[in-house]
């Protein structure tokens, strides 16, 4: 059954573009052109909300706070869409209950990757129990990693980072995204801590360290072993 995404934005043209691309990606959509209109929707049919921040009458932060206060909507994932990309703007958004935050303008490819990541974290998207790359097998059920049948010992954090990257192959995760997705809620870490963990993972998964790539200035991603264009590992 297709996942249903509620688009909340006061710009009809953008809603139409988003709906078109989401349909092409296999999602069903519902469109609301205001926060007030959005609150009247049947959220039993909604798997995720794309919520514009800058709307008249009731902005997206206000809408998110209301949705998080309602029993029928408190667990529905929310991704903010906004031209506001300052640090305080993002903090306000996450404080209101956002699961992710995309700054306008954004690419369709980035949007789809963010939606997939948020749905998978919320348990609303089925992901495989096993991820593979060549002779490396990562099993999410028993939290094990093996290369050529030989077990590889990863910490829980290292496993979570590797699993996230392998199950979203090709998506570049910024350090901030990795911190939000892999570290426990409320734990404060630095960008350097992310780099250190990536280095540890690479050492442990030789000879597949070349598949855990750096996109300089952006973050990290995982690619297939036969990709000869990898941006390697420093």
Protein backbone atom coordinates (compact mmCIF):
# COMPACT_ATOMS: atom_id res chain seq x y z
CA UNK A 1 0.00 0.00 0.00
CA UNK A 2 1.34 3.42 -0.96
CA UNK A 3 2.42 5.76 1.82
CA UNK A 4 0.40 8.97 2.01
CA UNK A 5 2.08 12.34 2.43
CA UNK A 6 0.22 15.47 3.50
CA UNK A 7 1.63 18.59 1.82
CA UNK A 8 0.91 21.81 3.74
CA UNK A 9 1.93 24.92 1.81
CA UNK A 10 0.20 28.14 0.77
CA UNK A 11 1.88 28.14 -2.67
CA UNK A 12 -0.35 26.19 -5.12
CA UNK A 13 2.41 25.88 -7.73
CA UNK A 14 4.82 24.30 -5.26
CA UNK A 15 2.10 21.93 -4.02
CA UNK A 16 1.46 20.85 -7.59
CA UNK A 17 5.16 20.23 -8.25
CA UNK A 18 5.57 18.29 -5.01
CA UNK A 19 2.47 16.19 -5.68
CA UNK A 20 3.64 15.35 -9.20
CA UNK A 21 7.09 14.21 -8.06
CA UNK A 22 5.77 12.30 -5.06
CA UNK A 23 3.26 10.46 -7.24
CA UNK A 24 6.07 9.53 -9.63
CA UNK A 25 7.99 8.15 -6.65
CA UNK A 26 5.04 5.97 -5.62
CA UNK A 27 3.49 8.06 -2.86
CA UNK A 28 -0.11 9.18 -2.48
CA UNK A 29 -0.61 12.83 -1.53
CA UNK A 30 -3.10 15.09 0.20
CA UNK A 31 -2.75 18.87 -0.15
CA UNK A 32 -3.70 21.55 2.38
CA UNK A 33 -3.06 25.21 1.60
CA UNK A 34 -3.07 26.43 5.21
CA UNK A 35 -2.39 25.24 8.71
CA UNK A 36 -6.08 25.50 9.57
CA UNK A 37 -7.01 23.37 6.56
CA UNK A 38 -4.35 20.80 7.46
CA UNK A 39 -5.76 20.26 10.95
CA UNK A 40 -9.09 19.13 9.46
CA UNK A 41 -7.55 16.21 7.55
CA UNK A 42 -8.04 12.56 8.51
CA UNK A 43 -4.60 11.75 9.90
CA UNK A 44 -5.36 8.06 10.12
CA UNK A 45 -4.47 8.06 6.41
CA UNK A 46 -1.33 10.23 6.72
CA UNK A 47 2.15 8.70 7.04
CA UNK A 48 4.20 11.93 6.87
CA UNK A 49 3.67 15.71 6.72
CA UNK A 50 5.64 18.11 4.53
CA UNK A 51 5.05 21.39 6.32
CA UNK A 52 5.92 24.87 5.09
CA UNK A 53 7.04 27.23 7.84
CA UNK A 54 6.27 30.62 6.29
CA UNK A 55 2.47 30.60 5.97
CA UNK A 56 0.01 33.40 6.79
CA UNK A 57 -2.45 33.27 9.72
CA UNK A 58 -0.81 30.16 11.24
CA UNK A 59 2.82 29.36 10.50
CA UNK A 60 4.31 25.91 10.30
CA UNK A 61 5.88 25.98 13.76
CA UNK A 62 2.45 26.68 15.29
CA UNK A 63 0.90 23.89 13.24
CA UNK A 64 3.62 21.44 14.31
CA UNK A 65 3.08 22.26 17.99
CA UNK A 66 -0.65 21.62 17.63
CA UNK A 67 -0.10 18.32 15.81
CA UNK A 68 2.33 17.17 18.48
CA UNK A 69 -0.25 17.98 21.19
CA UNK A 70 -3.02 15.87 19.63
CA UNK A 71 -3.19 12.12 20.42
CA UNK A 72 -4.11 11.26 16.82
CA UNK A 73 -1.22 13.20 15.29
CA UNK A 74 1.53 13.28 17.91
CA UNK A 75 3.54 10.48 16.27
CA UNK A 76 3.11 11.50 12.61
CA UNK A 77 6.55 12.42 11.16
CA UNK A 78 6.98 16.06 10.12
CA UNK A 79 9.51 17.50 7.68
CA UNK A 80 9.71 21.30 7.57
CA UNK A 81 10.11 23.03 4.21
CA UNK A 82 11.41 26.57 4.61
CA UNK A 83 13.58 29.33 3.24
CA UNK A 84 14.70 30.07 6.82
CA UNK A 85 17.96 28.21 7.40
CA UNK A 86 19.50 29.98 10.38
CA UNK A 87 20.59 27.93 13.37
CA UNK A 88 17.88 29.35 15.62
CA UNK A 89 15.23 28.71 12.96
CA UNK A 90 16.25 25.06 12.85
CA UNK A 91 16.31 24.80 16.64
CA UNK A 92 12.81 26.29 16.80
CA UNK A 93 11.65 23.76 14.24
CA UNK A 94 13.06 20.76 16.06
CA UNK A 95 11.76 22.12 19.35
CA UNK A 96 8.28 22.21 17.80
CA UNK A 97 8.57 18.53 16.96
CA UNK A 98 10.01 18.40 13.45
CA UNK A 99 11.74 15.18 12.42
CA UNK A 100 13.76 16.86 9.69
CA UNK A 101 14.29 20.26 8.10
CA UNK A 102 14.84 21.01 4.40
CA UNK A 103 15.90 24.47 3.30
CA UNK A 104 14.45 25.93 0.10
CA UNK A 105 15.42 25.63 -2.65
CA UNK A 106 15.96 21.87 -2.53
CA UNK A 107 16.32 19.15 -5.14
CA UNK A 108 13.69 16.48 -5.70
CA UNK A 109 16.38 13.84 -5.13
CA UNK A 110 17.23 15.31 -1.72
CA UNK A 111 13.56 15.52 -0.76
CA UNK A 112 12.92 11.88 -1.65
CA UNK A 113 15.97 10.75 0.31
CA UNK A 114 14.88 12.74 3.37
CA UNK A 115 11.34 11.33 3.17
CA UNK A 116 12.67 7.79 2.92
CA UNK A 117 15.00 8.33 5.87
CA UNK A 118 12.30 9.82 8.10
CA UNK A 119 9.77 7.11 7.23
CA UNK A 120 12.33 4.41 7.96
CA UNK A 121 13.22 5.95 11.33
CA UNK A 122 9.55 6.20 12.27
CA UNK A 123 8.94 2.56 11.39
CA UNK A 124 6.52 3.53 8.61
CA UNK A 125 8.74 2.23 5.83
CA UNK A 126 9.81 -1.38 5.56
CA UNK A 127 13.55 -1.81 5.25
CA UNK A 128 15.34 -5.09 4.58
CA UNK A 129 16.68 -7.07 7.53
CA UNK A 130 20.01 -7.56 5.77
CA UNK A 131 22.22 -5.16 3.79
CA UNK A 132 25.10 -6.46 1.68
CA UNK A 133 28.09 -5.17 -0.23
CA UNK A 134 30.16 -7.84 -1.93
CA UNK A 135 31.05 -10.35 0.78
CA UNK A 136 30.11 -7.96 3.61
CA UNK A 137 26.79 -8.85 5.26
CA UNK A 138 25.16 -6.49 7.77
CA UNK A 139 22.24 -8.09 9.62
CA UNK A 140 19.90 -5.69 11.39
CA UNK A 141 17.98 -8.41 13.26
CA UNK A 142 20.93 -9.73 15.24
CA UNK A 143 23.06 -6.56 14.83
CA UNK A 144 25.94 -8.48 13.29
CA UNK A 145 28.49 -7.71 10.59
CA UNK A 146 30.55 -10.31 8.75
CA UNK A 147 33.06 -10.14 5.90
CA UNK A 148 33.81 -13.39 4.07
CA UNK A 149 32.03 -15.16 6.90
CA UNK A 150 34.30 -13.66 9.56
CA UNK A 151 32.50 -11.60 12.26
CA UNK A 152 33.39 -7.91 12.53
CA UNK A 153 32.99 -6.32 15.94
CA UNK A 154 31.31 -2.92 15.79
CA UNK A 155 30.02 -0.86 18.68
CA UNK A 156 26.30 -0.15 18.74
CA UNK A 157 26.91 3.38 17.48
CA UNK A 158 29.23 2.20 14.70
CA UNK A 159 26.66 -0.39 13.63
CA UNK A 160 23.85 2.20 13.56
CA UNK A 161 25.93 4.57 11.41
CA UNK A 162 26.92 1.81 8.97
CA UNK A 163 23.34 0.52 8.72
CA UNK A 164 21.97 4.00 8.08
CA UNK A 165 24.47 4.67 5.30
CA UNK A 166 24.09 1.23 3.67
CA UNK A 167 20.29 1.32 3.63
CA UNK A 168 20.30 4.81 2.08
CA UNK A 169 23.02 4.05 -0.44
CA UNK A 170 24.14 7.08 -2.42
CA UNK A 171 22.51 9.63 -0.09
CA UNK A 172 25.02 12.08 1.35
CA UNK A 173 24.44 12.52 5.09
CA UNK A 174 25.82 15.68 6.65
CA UNK A 175 27.45 15.40 10.05
CA UNK A 176 24.36 17.03 11.59
CA UNK A 177 22.11 14.41 9.97
CA UNK A 178 24.28 11.59 11.27
CA UNK A 179 24.21 13.09 14.76
CA UNK A 180 20.40 13.31 14.66
CA UNK A 181 19.90 9.82 13.26
CA UNK A 182 22.55 7.68 14.93
CA UNK A 183 23.21 9.21 18.34
CA UNK A 184 20.72 8.85 21.21
CA UNK A 185 18.35 11.77 21.68
CA UNK A 186 19.75 14.49 23.93
CA UNK A 187 23.37 13.44 23.55
CA UNK A 188 25.60 16.34 22.47
CA UNK A 189 28.47 15.46 20.15
CA UNK A 190 30.81 17.40 17.91
CA UNK A 191 31.43 17.07 14.19
CA UNK A 192 34.85 15.69 15.07
CA UNK A 193 33.19 12.83 16.96
CA UNK A 194 31.35 11.87 13.77
CA UNK A 195 34.62 11.86 11.83
CA UNK A 196 36.32 9.67 14.44
CA UNK A 197 33.53 7.08 14.27
CA UNK A 198 33.62 7.03 10.47
CA UNK A 199 37.38 6.40 10.61
CA UNK A 200 36.87 3.52 13.07
CA UNK A 201 34.21 1.93 10.87
CA UNK A 202 36.45 2.15 7.81
CA UNK A 203 39.29 0.38 9.60
CA UNK A 204 36.97 -2.39 10.77
CA UNK A 205 35.28 -3.09 7.43
CA UNK A 206 38.40 -3.40 5.27
CA UNK A 207 38.47 -4.14 2.34
CA UNK A 208 35.16 -2.29 1.93
CA UNK A 209 36.35 0.96 3.49
CA UNK A 210 36.47 2.46 -0.02
CA UNK A 211 32.67 2.17 -0.17
CA UNK A 212 32.22 4.52 2.80
CA UNK A 213 32.95 7.77 1.01
CA UNK A 214 33.46 11.42 1.86
CA UNK A 215 31.76 14.16 -0.15
CA UNK A 216 34.05 17.01 0.88
CA UNK A 217 32.15 19.95 2.32
CA UNK A 218 28.93 17.93 2.61
CA UNK A 219 29.26 14.69 4.52
CA UNK A 220 29.42 10.92 4.09
CA UNK A 221 27.72 8.31 1.94
CA UNK A 222 27.93 4.62 1.07
CA UNK A 223 28.28 3.36 -2.48
CA UNK A 224 28.64 0.01 -4.22
CA UNK A 225 32.08 -1.59 -4.34
CA UNK A 226 32.13 -1.50 -8.13
CA UNK A 227 31.74 2.28 -8.24
CA UNK A 228 35.14 3.46 -9.44
CA UNK A 229 34.35 7.13 -8.88
CA UNK A 230 34.42 7.00 -5.10
CA UNK A 231 35.52 10.17 -3.34
CA UNK A 232 37.79 8.43 -0.94
CA UNK A 233 38.23 8.28 2.60
CA UNK A 234 39.91 11.14 4.34
